[in-house]
Each structure stands twice: as structure tokens, then as C-alpha cells.
């Protein structure tokens, strides 16, 4: 495959994340029309731009570049979109272990019980990092269905997985409701969504540039 062909194929497969990025970057332009728009219309526009970003990022979870897929997973966690849970759960089967770990962490932040079954499977992942993030996520969600898998994780060959499993069991045993972070966002100073999307685009640009140069 020629460099030119690879270049255009890359641009086409990245169309979803470009759409989501455009929605995020253009969002501030709504401000200059605030005087002419009603509050209801402004809120509706904001919601529409967020949904467009979510659609683009969900599409980016299937990007050919693992770096773009990882950035998309992290951005979806920042958006707190439960609509993305099925796509993220499916990404736990991605061949890249770093992405699987990022996805497990994202599902833990979203705290959606719909992800429990997929995370239970991830507790037996071949990567210790993925297993550790999976048990953490199950602890965050706090669903009792995970107790058997977490108990088995106490026998994991990796000591960090065993320690995290013990902590997760304590969290799950402490109640049936998902854990609530002391801060309204799981990170005290969350990175803006547009920064995550822009980083994903930077990764894509670097891959395209290197391919064409070669």
C-alpha cells in the first residue's frame, strides 16, 4: 500500500473523531450569540455539541491507531457518558493491553452496573494492569455480583492485583450502591474534554506524518 493511500485511508477512518472534535472546538462560538438566543436554545445547543463529541469518540474507539483509541476512552470517561458504556465494554476485548486498562478505568469512573459482566471477565485478563484496573472498577461500581470474581483475584499471581482486590471487596461489602467520590468529579482537576480530543488528534497527525515521510 502506497504512503498516499495510507494517508487518505487514515483520514477517512478518523472522520468520526474529527466530527466530535469540531463540535467541542466550535462550542465556545455560541457565546457571542447568547444575547440573541434564549437560555433554552443555548442549553440545547450545548447538549447537541456534547452528543456529537460522544458520537465521534465512540467511533474513535475503533480507530486503527491504539493511541487514538486510548485517548477516546479517556475522553469518554471525562464526559461521563453512560451511552458510551456498551462501546467501552466491547473495547475490553481490544488487542492493546494499555487500551484495555484505560477502558477498565473509564468504566470504573462511569460506575454503570451494565459494565459489571464485562469487567468480571477482565479480572482474568492476561495483563496484570488490566486486571488491577478491572478490580478497581468493580469496587467503584459496588455491585455484589462481582464478589466471586474479586475473591478469586485475591489469589492472583500479581501482588498489586491481590491488594486492589482486597480493597475492592471492602468497598463492595460496604453497601449495594455505587461508590460516591468526595469530589463531584473523580479527579480534583479534570482535564477539559477538548484537550483529550485534541491530544487524540495530535496522535493521529503524528501517525499520518510518519507514514507519509516513510
N, C-alpha and C. Protein backbone atom coordinates (compact mmCIF):
# COMPACT_ATOMS: atom_id res chain seq x y z
N UNK A 1 0.85 -1.19 0.00
CA UNK A 1 0.00 0.00 0.00
C UNK A 1 0.89 1.24 0.00
N UNK A 2 0.65 2.17 -0.94
CA UNK A 2 1.48 3.36 -1.05
C UNK A 2 1.24 4.31 0.11
N UNK A 3 2.23 5.18 0.42
CA UNK A 3 2.05 6.16 1.51
C UNK A 3 0.85 7.04 1.31
N UNK A 4 0.57 7.41 0.04
CA UNK A 4 -0.59 8.28 -0.23
C UNK A 4 -1.89 7.56 0.11
N UNK A 5 -1.97 6.28 -0.25
CA UNK A 5 -3.16 5.50 0.05
C UNK A 5 -3.37 5.39 1.55
N UNK A 6 -2.28 5.12 2.26
CA UNK A 6 -2.37 5.02 3.72
C UNK A 6 -2.81 6.35 4.32
N UNK A 7 -2.30 7.44 3.77
CA UNK A 7 -2.65 8.77 4.27
C UNK A 7 -4.15 9.01 4.17
N UNK A 8 -4.72 8.76 2.97
CA UNK A 8 -6.15 9.02 2.80
C UNK A 8 -7.01 8.02 3.57
N UNK A 9 -6.55 6.77 3.68
CA UNK A 9 -7.31 5.81 4.48
C UNK A 9 -7.36 6.26 5.93
N UNK A 10 -6.24 6.78 6.43
CA UNK A 10 -6.18 7.25 7.81
C UNK A 10 -7.13 8.41 8.04
N UNK A 11 -7.17 9.33 7.08
CA UNK A 11 -8.07 10.48 7.22
C UNK A 11 -9.52 10.03 7.24
N UNK A 12 -9.87 9.07 6.40
CA UNK A 12 -11.24 8.59 6.35
C UNK A 12 -11.64 7.89 7.64
N UNK A 13 -10.77 7.04 8.16
CA UNK A 13 -11.12 6.31 9.38
C UNK A 13 -11.16 7.22 10.59
N UNK A 14 -10.56 8.40 10.48
CA UNK A 14 -10.55 9.34 11.61
C UNK A 14 -11.71 10.34 11.54
N UNK A 15 -12.60 10.18 10.57
CA UNK A 15 -13.66 11.18 10.38
C UNK A 15 -14.53 11.34 11.61
N UNK A 16 -14.80 10.26 12.32
CA UNK A 16 -15.68 10.34 13.49
C UNK A 16 -15.10 11.23 14.57
N UNK A 17 -13.82 11.06 14.86
CA UNK A 17 -13.22 11.86 15.93
C UNK A 17 -13.07 13.32 15.50
N UNK A 18 -12.89 13.57 14.17
CA UNK A 18 -12.84 14.95 13.71
C UNK A 18 -14.19 15.63 13.90
N UNK A 19 -15.28 14.90 13.67
CA UNK A 19 -16.61 15.46 13.87
C UNK A 19 -16.82 15.81 15.34
N UNK A 20 -16.45 14.87 16.22
CA UNK A 20 -16.59 15.15 17.65
C UNK A 20 -15.72 16.31 18.09
N UNK A 21 -14.49 16.37 17.56
CA UNK A 21 -13.60 17.46 17.93
C UNK A 21 -14.15 18.80 17.46
N UNK A 22 -14.68 18.82 16.24
CA UNK A 22 -15.22 20.07 15.72
C UNK A 22 -16.34 20.58 16.60
N UNK A 23 -17.19 19.66 17.07
CA UNK A 23 -18.29 20.09 17.94
C UNK A 23 -17.78 20.71 19.22
N UNK A 24 -16.70 20.13 19.77
CA UNK A 24 -16.16 20.66 21.02
C UNK A 24 -15.47 22.00 20.79
N UNK A 25 -14.68 22.08 19.71
CA UNK A 25 -13.94 23.31 19.46
C UNK A 25 -14.85 24.47 19.08
N UNK A 26 -15.94 24.18 18.40
CA UNK A 26 -16.86 25.23 17.96
C UNK A 26 -17.82 25.65 19.05
N UNK A 27 -17.86 24.88 20.11
CA UNK A 27 -18.80 25.16 21.18
C UNK A 27 -18.68 26.58 21.74
N UNK A 28 -17.47 27.12 21.99
CA UNK A 28 -17.36 28.48 22.53
C UNK A 28 -17.98 29.54 21.63
N UNK A 29 -18.09 29.28 20.32
CA UNK A 29 -18.63 30.27 19.42
C UNK A 29 -20.09 30.58 19.69
N UNK A 30 -20.72 29.74 20.50
CA UNK A 30 -22.12 30.00 20.85
C UNK A 30 -22.25 31.24 21.73
N UNK A 31 -21.16 31.60 22.43
CA UNK A 31 -21.24 32.67 23.41
C UNK A 31 -21.61 34.01 22.79
N UNK A 32 -21.08 34.30 21.60
CA UNK A 32 -21.33 35.61 21.02
C UNK A 32 -22.77 35.78 20.62
N UNK A 33 -23.51 34.68 20.50
CA UNK A 33 -24.92 34.78 20.15
C UNK A 33 -25.82 34.64 21.36
N UNK A 34 -25.22 34.62 22.56
CA UNK A 34 -26.00 34.38 23.76
C UNK A 34 -27.12 35.40 23.93
N UNK A 35 -26.84 36.66 23.52
CA UNK A 35 -27.87 37.68 23.68
C UNK A 35 -29.07 37.45 22.79
N UNK A 36 -28.86 36.79 21.67
CA UNK A 36 -29.95 36.58 20.73
C UNK A 36 -30.68 35.26 20.96
N UNK A 37 -30.01 34.33 21.62
CA UNK A 37 -30.60 33.02 21.85
C UNK A 37 -31.26 32.96 23.23
N UNK A 38 -32.31 32.23 23.32
CA UNK A 38 -32.92 32.03 24.63
C UNK A 38 -32.07 31.06 25.41
N UNK A 39 -32.25 31.04 26.72
CA UNK A 39 -31.47 30.14 27.57
C UNK A 39 -31.74 28.70 27.18
N UNK A 40 -32.98 28.40 26.85
CA UNK A 40 -33.32 27.02 26.47
C UNK A 40 -32.59 26.61 25.21
N UNK A 41 -32.53 27.50 24.24
CA UNK A 41 -31.86 27.18 22.98
C UNK A 41 -30.37 26.99 23.19
N UNK A 42 -29.79 27.81 24.06
CA UNK A 42 -28.36 27.69 24.34
C UNK A 42 -28.03 26.36 24.98
N UNK A 43 -28.83 25.96 25.97
CA UNK A 43 -28.62 24.66 26.62
C UNK A 43 -28.77 23.53 25.62
N UNK A 44 -29.76 23.65 24.74
CA UNK A 44 -29.97 22.62 23.72
C UNK A 44 -28.77 22.50 22.79
N UNK A 45 -28.19 23.64 22.43
CA UNK A 45 -27.02 23.63 21.55
C UNK A 45 -25.82 22.99 22.24
N UNK A 46 -25.67 23.29 23.53
CA UNK A 46 -24.57 22.70 24.29
C UNK A 46 -24.72 21.19 24.36
N UNK A 47 -25.93 20.74 24.61
CA UNK A 47 -26.18 19.30 24.68
C UNK A 47 -25.92 18.63 23.34
N UNK A 48 -26.31 19.31 22.27
CA UNK A 48 -26.12 18.75 20.93
C UNK A 48 -24.63 18.62 20.62
N UNK A 49 -23.84 19.63 21.02
CA UNK A 49 -22.40 19.56 20.74
C UNK A 49 -21.75 18.44 21.55
N UNK A 50 -22.21 18.24 22.80
CA UNK A 50 -21.67 17.17 23.62
C UNK A 50 -22.01 15.81 23.02
N UNK A 51 -23.25 15.66 22.56
CA UNK A 51 -23.65 14.39 21.95
C UNK A 51 -22.85 14.11 20.69
N UNK A 52 -22.57 15.16 19.91
CA UNK A 52 -21.76 14.98 18.71
C UNK A 52 -20.35 14.54 19.06
N UNK A 53 -19.80 15.13 20.14
CA UNK A 53 -18.47 14.73 20.59
C UNK A 53 -18.46 13.28 21.03
N UNK A 54 -19.50 12.87 21.75
CA UNK A 54 -19.60 11.48 22.22
C UNK A 54 -19.65 10.53 21.04
N UNK A 55 -20.45 10.86 20.02
CA UNK A 55 -20.54 10.01 18.83
C UNK A 55 -19.18 9.87 18.15
N UNK A 56 -18.47 11.00 18.05
CA UNK A 56 -17.16 10.94 17.42
C UNK A 56 -16.17 10.11 18.20
N UNK A 57 -16.21 10.23 19.53
CA UNK A 57 -15.28 9.49 20.37
C UNK A 57 -15.60 8.00 20.41
N UNK A 58 -16.89 7.67 20.38
CA UNK A 58 -17.27 6.25 20.31
C UNK A 58 -16.73 5.64 19.02
N UNK A 59 -16.85 6.38 17.93
CA UNK A 59 -16.31 5.90 16.67
C UNK A 59 -14.80 5.75 16.72
N UNK A 60 -14.14 6.65 17.47
CA UNK A 60 -12.68 6.61 17.57
C UNK A 60 -12.18 5.41 18.36
N UNK A 61 -13.05 4.75 19.12
CA UNK A 61 -12.65 3.54 19.85
C UNK A 61 -12.28 2.41 18.89
N UNK A 62 -12.66 2.56 17.62
CA UNK A 62 -12.35 1.55 16.61
C UNK A 62 -11.27 2.04 15.65
N UNK A 63 -10.62 3.14 16.00
CA UNK A 63 -9.57 3.69 15.14
C UNK A 63 -8.43 2.69 14.99
N UNK A 64 -7.75 2.76 13.87
CA UNK A 64 -6.64 1.83 13.62
C UNK A 64 -5.46 2.07 14.55
N UNK A 65 -5.33 3.29 15.09
CA UNK A 65 -4.21 3.61 15.96
C UNK A 65 -4.59 3.45 17.42
N UNK A 66 -3.80 2.67 18.17
CA UNK A 66 -4.10 2.39 19.57
C UNK A 66 -4.06 3.66 20.42
N UNK A 67 -3.17 4.59 20.09
CA UNK A 67 -3.08 5.83 20.85
C UNK A 67 -4.36 6.64 20.76
N UNK A 68 -4.94 6.69 19.58
CA UNK A 68 -6.22 7.40 19.40
C UNK A 68 -7.32 6.70 20.19
N UNK A 69 -7.32 5.37 20.17
CA UNK A 69 -8.35 4.63 20.90
C UNK A 69 -8.25 4.89 22.40
N UNK A 70 -7.02 4.95 22.92
CA UNK A 70 -6.84 5.22 24.35
C UNK A 70 -7.33 6.61 24.72
N UNK A 71 -6.98 7.60 23.91
CA UNK A 71 -7.42 8.97 24.19
C UNK A 71 -8.94 9.08 24.11
N UNK A 72 -9.56 8.36 23.19
CA UNK A 72 -11.02 8.38 23.08
C UNK A 72 -11.67 7.82 24.33
N UNK A 73 -11.11 6.72 24.85
CA UNK A 73 -11.67 6.11 26.07
C UNK A 73 -11.57 7.07 27.25
N UNK A 74 -10.43 7.75 27.38
CA UNK A 74 -10.25 8.69 28.49
C UNK A 74 -11.19 9.89 28.36
N UNK A 75 -11.39 10.36 27.12
CA UNK A 75 -12.29 11.50 26.91
C UNK A 75 -13.73 11.12 27.22
N UNK A 76 -14.13 9.90 26.89
CA UNK A 76 -15.49 9.45 27.20
C UNK A 76 -15.71 9.37 28.70
N UNK A 77 -14.67 9.00 29.43
CA UNK A 77 -14.79 8.98 30.89
C UNK A 77 -14.97 10.40 31.41
N UNK A 78 -14.25 11.37 30.81
CA UNK A 78 -14.37 12.76 31.24
C UNK A 78 -15.78 13.29 30.97
N UNK A 79 -16.39 12.84 29.87
CA UNK A 79 -17.73 13.29 29.52
C UNK A 79 -18.81 12.63 30.37
N UNK A 80 -18.44 11.59 31.12
CA UNK A 80 -19.39 10.86 31.96
C UNK A 80 -20.62 10.40 31.16
N UNK A 81 -20.36 9.87 29.99
CA UNK A 81 -21.45 9.43 29.12
C UNK A 81 -21.74 7.95 29.32
N UNK A 82 -22.87 7.66 29.95
CA UNK A 82 -23.26 6.26 30.11
C UNK A 82 -23.70 5.65 28.78
N UNK A 83 -24.00 6.50 27.83
CA UNK A 83 -24.34 6.00 26.50
C UNK A 83 -23.15 5.30 25.86
N UNK A 84 -21.95 5.62 26.33
CA UNK A 84 -20.74 5.02 25.77
C UNK A 84 -20.38 3.69 26.43
N UNK A 85 -21.11 3.30 27.48
CA UNK A 85 -20.75 2.09 28.23
C UNK A 85 -20.70 0.84 27.35
N UNK A 86 -21.69 0.56 26.49
CA UNK A 86 -21.60 -0.65 25.66
C UNK A 86 -20.35 -0.66 24.77
N UNK A 87 -20.02 0.48 24.19
CA UNK A 87 -18.83 0.55 23.32
C UNK A 87 -17.55 0.36 24.13
N UNK A 88 -17.51 0.94 25.32
CA UNK A 88 -16.33 0.78 26.18
C UNK A 88 -16.20 -0.67 26.65
N UNK A 89 -17.33 -1.28 27.01
CA UNK A 89 -17.29 -2.68 27.45
C UNK A 89 -16.76 -3.58 26.34
N UNK A 90 -17.18 -3.30 25.11
CA UNK A 90 -16.70 -4.09 23.98
C UNK A 90 -15.20 -3.88 23.77
N UNK A 91 -14.71 -2.67 24.08
CA UNK A 91 -13.30 -2.35 23.91
C UNK A 91 -12.40 -3.08 24.91
N UNK A 92 -13.00 -3.71 25.92
CA UNK A 92 -12.20 -4.52 26.86
C UNK A 92 -11.61 -5.75 26.16
N UNK A 93 -12.04 -6.01 24.94
CA UNK A 93 -11.51 -7.13 24.15
C UNK A 93 -10.47 -6.64 23.13
N UNK A 94 -10.13 -5.35 23.19
CA UNK A 94 -9.16 -4.79 22.25
C UNK A 94 -7.81 -5.49 22.40
N UNK A 95 -7.07 -5.67 21.32
CA UNK A 95 -5.76 -6.35 21.42
C UNK A 95 -4.71 -5.57 22.19
N UNK A 96 -4.89 -4.26 22.36
CA UNK A 96 -3.89 -3.44 23.04
C UNK A 96 -4.14 -3.44 24.55
N UNK A 97 -3.23 -3.97 25.36
CA UNK A 97 -3.45 -4.04 26.81
C UNK A 97 -3.54 -2.67 27.48
N UNK A 98 -2.80 -1.69 26.96
CA UNK A 98 -2.88 -0.35 27.55
C UNK A 98 -4.27 0.24 27.35
N UNK A 99 -4.85 -0.01 26.19
CA UNK A 99 -6.22 0.47 25.95
C UNK A 99 -7.21 -0.24 26.86
N UNK A 100 -7.04 -1.56 27.01
CA UNK A 100 -7.97 -2.31 27.88
C UNK A 100 -7.91 -1.78 29.31
N UNK A 101 -6.71 -1.45 29.77
CA UNK A 101 -6.56 -0.89 31.12
C UNK A 101 -7.25 0.47 31.22
N UNK A 102 -7.07 1.31 30.19
CA UNK A 102 -7.70 2.64 30.18
C UNK A 102 -9.22 2.51 30.16
N UNK A 103 -9.71 1.55 29.40
CA UNK A 103 -11.16 1.34 29.30
C UNK A 103 -11.73 0.87 30.63
N UNK A 104 -11.03 -0.05 31.29
CA UNK A 104 -11.49 -0.52 32.60
C UNK A 104 -11.56 0.64 33.59
N UNK A 105 -10.54 1.51 33.55
CA UNK A 105 -10.56 2.68 34.42
C UNK A 105 -11.71 3.61 34.10
N UNK A 106 -11.98 3.79 32.82
CA UNK A 106 -13.09 4.65 32.40
C UNK A 106 -14.43 4.10 32.88
N UNK A 107 -14.60 2.80 32.78
CA UNK A 107 -15.85 2.18 33.23
C UNK A 107 -16.01 2.31 34.74
N UNK A 108 -14.90 2.28 35.47
CA UNK A 108 -14.97 2.49 36.91
C UNK A 108 -15.45 3.90 37.23
N UNK A 109 -14.99 4.88 36.46
CA UNK A 109 -15.41 6.26 36.69
C UNK A 109 -16.89 6.46 36.36
N UNK A 110 -17.36 5.77 35.33
CA UNK A 110 -18.76 5.90 34.93
C UNK A 110 -19.70 5.21 35.92
N UNK A 111 -19.20 4.19 36.63
CA UNK A 111 -19.96 3.50 37.68
C UNK A 111 -21.33 3.00 37.20
N UNK A 112 -21.35 2.40 36.03
CA UNK A 112 -22.59 1.87 35.47
C UNK A 112 -22.61 0.36 35.65
N UNK A 113 -23.67 -0.14 36.27
CA UNK A 113 -23.77 -1.58 36.54
C UNK A 113 -23.82 -2.41 35.25
N UNK A 114 -24.16 -1.78 34.14
CA UNK A 114 -24.21 -2.51 32.87
C UNK A 114 -22.83 -3.03 32.46
N UNK A 115 -21.78 -2.47 33.04
CA UNK A 115 -20.42 -2.88 32.69
C UNK A 115 -19.88 -4.01 33.57
N UNK A 116 -20.64 -4.40 34.58
CA UNK A 116 -20.13 -5.38 35.56
C UNK A 116 -19.72 -6.69 34.92
N UNK A 117 -20.55 -7.25 34.07
CA UNK A 117 -20.24 -8.56 33.47
C UNK A 117 -18.94 -8.51 32.66
N UNK A 118 -18.78 -7.45 31.87
CA UNK A 118 -17.56 -7.33 31.06
C UNK A 118 -16.33 -7.14 31.95
N UNK A 119 -16.48 -6.41 33.03
CA UNK A 119 -15.36 -6.19 33.95
C UNK A 119 -15.00 -7.47 34.70
N UNK A 120 -15.99 -8.28 35.02
CA UNK A 120 -15.72 -9.56 35.69
C UNK A 120 -14.84 -10.44 34.79
N UNK A 121 -15.14 -10.43 33.49
CA UNK A 121 -14.31 -11.17 32.55
C UNK A 121 -12.90 -10.58 32.52
N UNK A 122 -12.80 -9.26 32.58
CA UNK A 122 -11.50 -8.58 32.52
C UNK A 122 -10.63 -8.87 33.74
N UNK A 123 -11.23 -9.31 34.84
CA UNK A 123 -10.46 -9.66 36.04
C UNK A 123 -9.51 -10.83 35.74
N UNK A 124 -9.78 -11.58 34.69
CA UNK A 124 -8.93 -12.70 34.29
C UNK A 124 -8.07 -12.38 33.07
N UNK A 125 -7.95 -11.10 32.75
CA UNK A 125 -7.16 -10.66 31.59
C UNK A 125 -5.71 -11.13 31.73
N UNK A 126 -5.03 -11.27 30.60
CA UNK A 126 -3.63 -11.70 30.62
C UNK A 126 -2.70 -10.60 31.14
N UNK A 127 -3.17 -9.35 31.11
CA UNK A 127 -2.35 -8.23 31.58
C UNK A 127 -2.69 -7.90 33.04
N UNK A 128 -1.65 -7.84 33.87
CA UNK A 128 -1.86 -7.51 35.28
C UNK A 128 -2.44 -6.11 35.45
N UNK A 129 -2.03 -5.17 34.58
CA UNK A 129 -2.55 -3.80 34.66
C UNK A 129 -4.04 -3.77 34.38
N UNK A 130 -4.47 -4.55 33.42
CA UNK A 130 -5.91 -4.62 33.10
C UNK A 130 -6.67 -5.24 34.27
N UNK A 131 -6.12 -6.31 34.83
CA UNK A 131 -6.80 -6.96 35.97
C UNK A 131 -6.92 -6.00 37.14
N UNK A 132 -5.86 -5.23 37.39
CA UNK A 132 -5.87 -4.28 38.50
C UNK A 132 -6.93 -3.19 38.29
N UNK A 133 -6.98 -2.66 37.07
CA UNK A 133 -7.99 -1.63 36.78
C UNK A 133 -9.40 -2.20 36.82
N UNK A 134 -9.53 -3.45 36.42
CA UNK A 134 -10.86 -4.08 36.43
C UNK A 134 -11.37 -4.26 37.85
N UNK A 135 -10.51 -4.72 38.76
CA UNK A 135 -10.97 -4.91 40.14
C UNK A 135 -11.25 -3.55 40.80
N UNK A 136 -10.46 -2.54 40.44
CA UNK A 136 -10.73 -1.19 40.95
C UNK A 136 -12.10 -0.71 40.48
N UNK A 137 -12.38 -0.95 39.18
CA UNK A 137 -13.66 -0.51 38.62
C UNK A 137 -14.83 -1.22 39.29
N UNK A 138 -14.67 -2.50 39.54
CA UNK A 138 -15.74 -3.24 40.21
C UNK A 138 -15.95 -2.73 41.64
N UNK A 139 -14.88 -2.33 42.28
CA UNK A 139 -15.01 -1.74 43.60
C UNK A 139 -15.75 -0.42 43.55
N UNK A 140 -15.45 0.38 42.51
CA UNK A 140 -16.12 1.67 42.35
C UNK A 140 -17.62 1.49 42.10
N UNK A 141 -17.95 0.49 41.29
CA UNK A 141 -19.37 0.26 40.97
C UNK A 141 -20.11 -0.30 42.17
N UNK A 142 -19.46 -1.20 42.91
CA UNK A 142 -20.05 -1.71 44.14
C UNK A 142 -21.16 -2.72 43.98
N UNK A 143 -21.15 -3.47 42.87
CA UNK A 143 -22.19 -4.47 42.64
C UNK A 143 -21.76 -5.81 43.25
N UNK A 144 -22.65 -6.41 44.03
CA UNK A 144 -22.33 -7.66 44.73
C UNK A 144 -22.07 -8.82 43.79
N UNK A 145 -22.52 -8.71 42.55
CA UNK A 145 -22.26 -9.78 41.58
C UNK A 145 -20.77 -9.99 41.35
N UNK A 146 -19.97 -9.00 41.66
CA UNK A 146 -18.54 -9.08 41.41
C UNK A 146 -17.76 -9.77 42.52
N UNK A 147 -18.41 -10.08 43.64
CA UNK A 147 -17.69 -10.60 44.79
C UNK A 147 -16.96 -11.91 44.51
N UNK A 148 -17.57 -12.81 43.78
CA UNK A 148 -16.90 -14.08 43.48
C UNK A 148 -15.62 -13.85 42.69
N UNK A 149 -15.71 -13.00 41.66
CA UNK A 149 -14.53 -12.72 40.84
C UNK A 149 -13.45 -12.00 41.65
N UNK A 150 -13.87 -11.09 42.50
CA UNK A 150 -12.91 -10.37 43.33
C UNK A 150 -12.24 -11.29 44.35
N UNK A 151 -13.01 -12.24 44.86
CA UNK A 151 -12.45 -13.20 45.81
C UNK A 151 -11.40 -14.07 45.12
N UNK A 152 -11.68 -14.47 43.88
CA UNK A 152 -10.69 -15.24 43.11
C UNK A 152 -9.44 -14.41 42.84
N UNK A 153 -9.64 -13.10 42.67
CA UNK A 153 -8.50 -12.22 42.39
C UNK A 153 -7.55 -12.10 43.58
N UNK A 154 -8.02 -12.50 44.76
CA UNK A 154 -7.14 -12.49 45.93
C UNK A 154 -6.01 -13.51 45.79
N UNK A 155 -6.17 -14.43 44.83
CA UNK A 155 -5.15 -15.45 44.57
C UNK A 155 -4.32 -15.11 43.34
N UNK A 156 -4.50 -13.92 42.80
CA UNK A 156 -3.78 -13.52 41.58
C UNK A 156 -2.27 -13.59 41.80
N UNK A 157 -1.55 -13.92 40.75
CA UNK A 157 -0.09 -14.03 40.84
C UNK A 157 0.58 -12.67 41.07
N UNK A 158 -0.12 -11.59 40.72
CA UNK A 158 0.43 -10.25 40.88
C UNK A 158 0.00 -9.66 42.23
N UNK A 159 0.97 -9.23 43.03
CA UNK A 159 0.66 -8.76 44.37
C UNK A 159 -0.22 -7.50 44.35
N UNK A 160 0.00 -6.63 43.37
CA UNK A 160 -0.80 -5.40 43.32
C UNK A 160 -2.27 -5.71 43.01
N UNK A 161 -2.50 -6.73 42.19
CA UNK A 161 -3.88 -7.13 41.90
C UNK A 161 -4.54 -7.67 43.16
N UNK A 162 -3.79 -8.45 43.92
CA UNK A 162 -4.35 -9.01 45.16
C UNK A 162 -4.71 -7.89 46.14
N UNK A 163 -3.84 -6.91 46.26
CA UNK A 163 -4.11 -5.79 47.17
C UNK A 163 -5.33 -4.99 46.73
N UNK A 164 -5.41 -4.72 45.45
CA UNK A 164 -6.55 -3.95 44.93
C UNK A 164 -7.84 -4.75 45.05
N UNK A 165 -7.74 -6.06 44.89
CA UNK A 165 -8.93 -6.90 45.03
C UNK A 165 -9.46 -6.85 46.46
N UNK A 166 -8.55 -6.89 47.42
CA UNK A 166 -8.96 -6.82 48.82
C UNK A 166 -9.67 -5.49 49.11
N UNK A 167 -9.13 -4.40 48.57
CA UNK A 167 -9.75 -3.09 48.77
C UNK A 167 -11.12 -3.04 48.08
N UNK A 168 -11.21 -3.63 46.89
CA UNK A 168 -12.48 -3.63 46.15
C UNK A 168 -13.55 -4.43 46.89
N UNK A 169 -13.15 -5.56 47.48
CA UNK A 169 -14.11 -6.38 48.25
C UNK A 169 -14.64 -5.57 49.42
N UNK A 170 -13.77 -4.82 50.07
CA UNK A 170 -14.20 -3.99 51.20
C UNK A 170 -15.20 -2.94 50.74
N UNK A 171 -14.97 -2.37 49.56
CA UNK A 171 -15.89 -1.37 49.03
C UNK A 171 -17.25 -1.98 48.69
N UNK A 172 -17.21 -3.13 48.00
CA UNK A 172 -18.46 -3.78 47.60
C UNK A 172 -19.23 -4.23 48.83
N UNK A 173 -18.54 -4.77 49.81
CA UNK A 173 -19.20 -5.28 51.02
C UNK A 173 -19.77 -4.16 51.88
N UNK A 174 -19.32 -2.94 51.63
CA UNK A 174 -19.78 -1.82 52.43
C UNK A 174 -21.14 -1.30 52.05
N UNK A 175 -21.72 -1.79 50.98
CA UNK A 175 -23.05 -1.33 50.57
C UNK A 175 -23.35 -1.76 49.15
N UNK A 176 -24.61 -1.59 48.76
CA UNK A 176 -25.05 -2.02 47.44
C UNK A 176 -25.07 -0.88 46.42
N UNK A 177 -24.82 0.37 46.87
CA UNK A 177 -24.86 1.49 45.95
C UNK A 177 -23.46 1.77 45.40
N UNK A 178 -23.38 2.32 44.17
CA UNK A 178 -22.07 2.69 43.62
C UNK A 178 -21.36 3.67 44.54
N UNK A 179 -20.03 3.58 44.57
CA UNK A 179 -19.26 4.47 45.42
C UNK A 179 -19.39 5.90 44.95
N UNK A 180 -19.42 6.84 45.86
CA UNK A 180 -19.51 8.26 45.52
C UNK A 180 -18.19 8.93 45.86
N UNK A 181 -17.60 9.59 44.87
CA UNK A 181 -16.33 10.27 45.11
C UNK A 181 -16.57 11.50 45.97
N UNK A 182 -15.62 11.85 46.83
CA UNK A 182 -15.78 13.04 47.67
C UNK A 182 -15.85 14.32 46.85
N UNK A 183 -15.28 14.30 45.65
CA UNK A 183 -15.34 15.45 44.76
C UNK A 183 -16.37 15.13 43.68
N UNK A 184 -17.14 16.11 43.18
CA UNK A 184 -18.13 15.82 42.15
C UNK A 184 -17.56 15.17 40.91
N UNK A 185 -16.29 15.35 40.68
CA UNK A 185 -15.61 14.65 39.58
C UNK A 185 -14.55 13.78 40.20
N UNK A 186 -14.33 12.55 39.67
CA UNK A 186 -13.35 11.65 40.26
C UNK A 186 -11.93 12.21 40.30
N UNK A 187 -11.68 13.22 39.48
CA UNK A 187 -10.37 13.87 39.52
C UNK A 187 -10.57 15.30 40.03
N UNK A 188 -9.82 15.75 41.03
CA UNK A 188 -9.99 17.11 41.56
C UNK A 188 -9.90 18.19 40.49
N UNK A 189 -9.01 17.97 39.50
CA UNK A 189 -8.83 18.96 38.45
C UNK A 189 -8.91 18.25 37.10
N UNK A 190 -10.09 17.89 36.64
CA UNK A 190 -10.22 17.13 35.40
C UNK A 190 -9.74 17.91 34.19
N UNK A 191 -9.12 17.21 33.27
CA UNK A 191 -8.66 17.84 32.04
C UNK A 191 -9.87 18.10 31.15
N UNK A 192 -9.99 19.31 30.59
CA UNK A 192 -11.13 19.61 29.71
C UNK A 192 -11.24 18.60 28.59
N UNK A 193 -12.47 18.32 28.17
CA UNK A 193 -12.70 17.31 27.14
C UNK A 193 -11.99 17.67 25.85
N UNK A 194 -12.02 18.99 25.50
CA UNK A 194 -11.40 19.37 24.23
C UNK A 194 -9.90 19.09 24.23
N UNK A 195 -9.27 19.08 25.40
CA UNK A 195 -7.84 18.77 25.48
C UNK A 195 -7.61 17.30 25.15
N UNK A 196 -8.48 16.42 25.68
CA UNK A 196 -8.37 14.99 25.37
C UNK A 196 -8.55 14.76 23.88
N UNK A 197 -9.56 15.39 23.29
CA UNK A 197 -9.83 15.19 21.87
C UNK A 197 -8.69 15.73 21.04
N UNK A 198 -8.17 16.91 21.42
CA UNK A 198 -7.06 17.49 20.68
C UNK A 198 -5.83 16.60 20.76
N UNK A 199 -5.59 15.99 21.93
CA UNK A 199 -4.46 15.08 22.08
C UNK A 199 -4.61 13.88 21.16
N UNK A 200 -5.85 13.36 21.08
CA UNK A 200 -6.11 12.23 20.19
C UNK A 200 -5.82 12.62 18.75
N UNK A 201 -6.21 13.82 18.37
CA UNK A 201 -5.95 14.29 17.01
C UNK A 201 -4.44 14.48 16.77
N UNK A 202 -3.73 14.94 17.79
CA UNK A 202 -2.28 15.10 17.67
C UNK A 202 -1.61 13.76 17.42
N UNK A 203 -2.09 12.73 18.16
CA UNK A 203 -1.56 11.37 17.97
C UNK A 203 -1.80 10.92 16.55
N UNK A 204 -3.03 11.15 16.06
CA UNK A 204 -3.37 10.76 14.70
C UNK A 204 -2.50 11.51 13.69
N UNK A 205 -2.29 12.81 13.89
CA UNK A 205 -1.49 13.61 12.97
C UNK A 205 -0.06 13.08 12.92
N UNK A 206 0.49 12.72 14.08
CA UNK A 206 1.85 12.20 14.14
C UNK A 206 1.97 10.90 13.37
N UNK A 207 0.97 10.01 13.51
CA UNK A 207 0.99 8.73 12.81
C UNK A 207 0.94 8.94 11.31
N UNK A 208 0.05 9.85 10.87
CA UNK A 208 -0.09 10.13 9.43
C UNK A 208 1.20 10.71 8.88
N UNK A 209 1.81 11.66 9.60
CA UNK A 209 3.03 12.31 9.15
C UNK A 209 4.17 11.31 8.99
N UNK A 210 4.32 10.46 10.02
CA UNK A 210 5.40 9.46 9.96
C UNK A 210 5.20 8.51 8.80
N UNK A 211 3.94 8.14 8.52
CA UNK A 211 3.64 7.19 7.43
C UNK A 211 4.00 7.79 6.08
N UNK A 212 3.62 9.06 5.88
CA UNK A 212 3.87 9.71 4.60
C UNK A 212 5.37 9.93 4.40
N UNK A 213 6.09 10.31 5.45
CA UNK A 213 7.53 10.55 5.35
C UNK A 213 8.26 9.29 4.94
N UNK A 214 7.81 8.16 5.54
CA UNK A 214 8.45 6.89 5.19
C UNK A 214 8.21 6.53 3.73
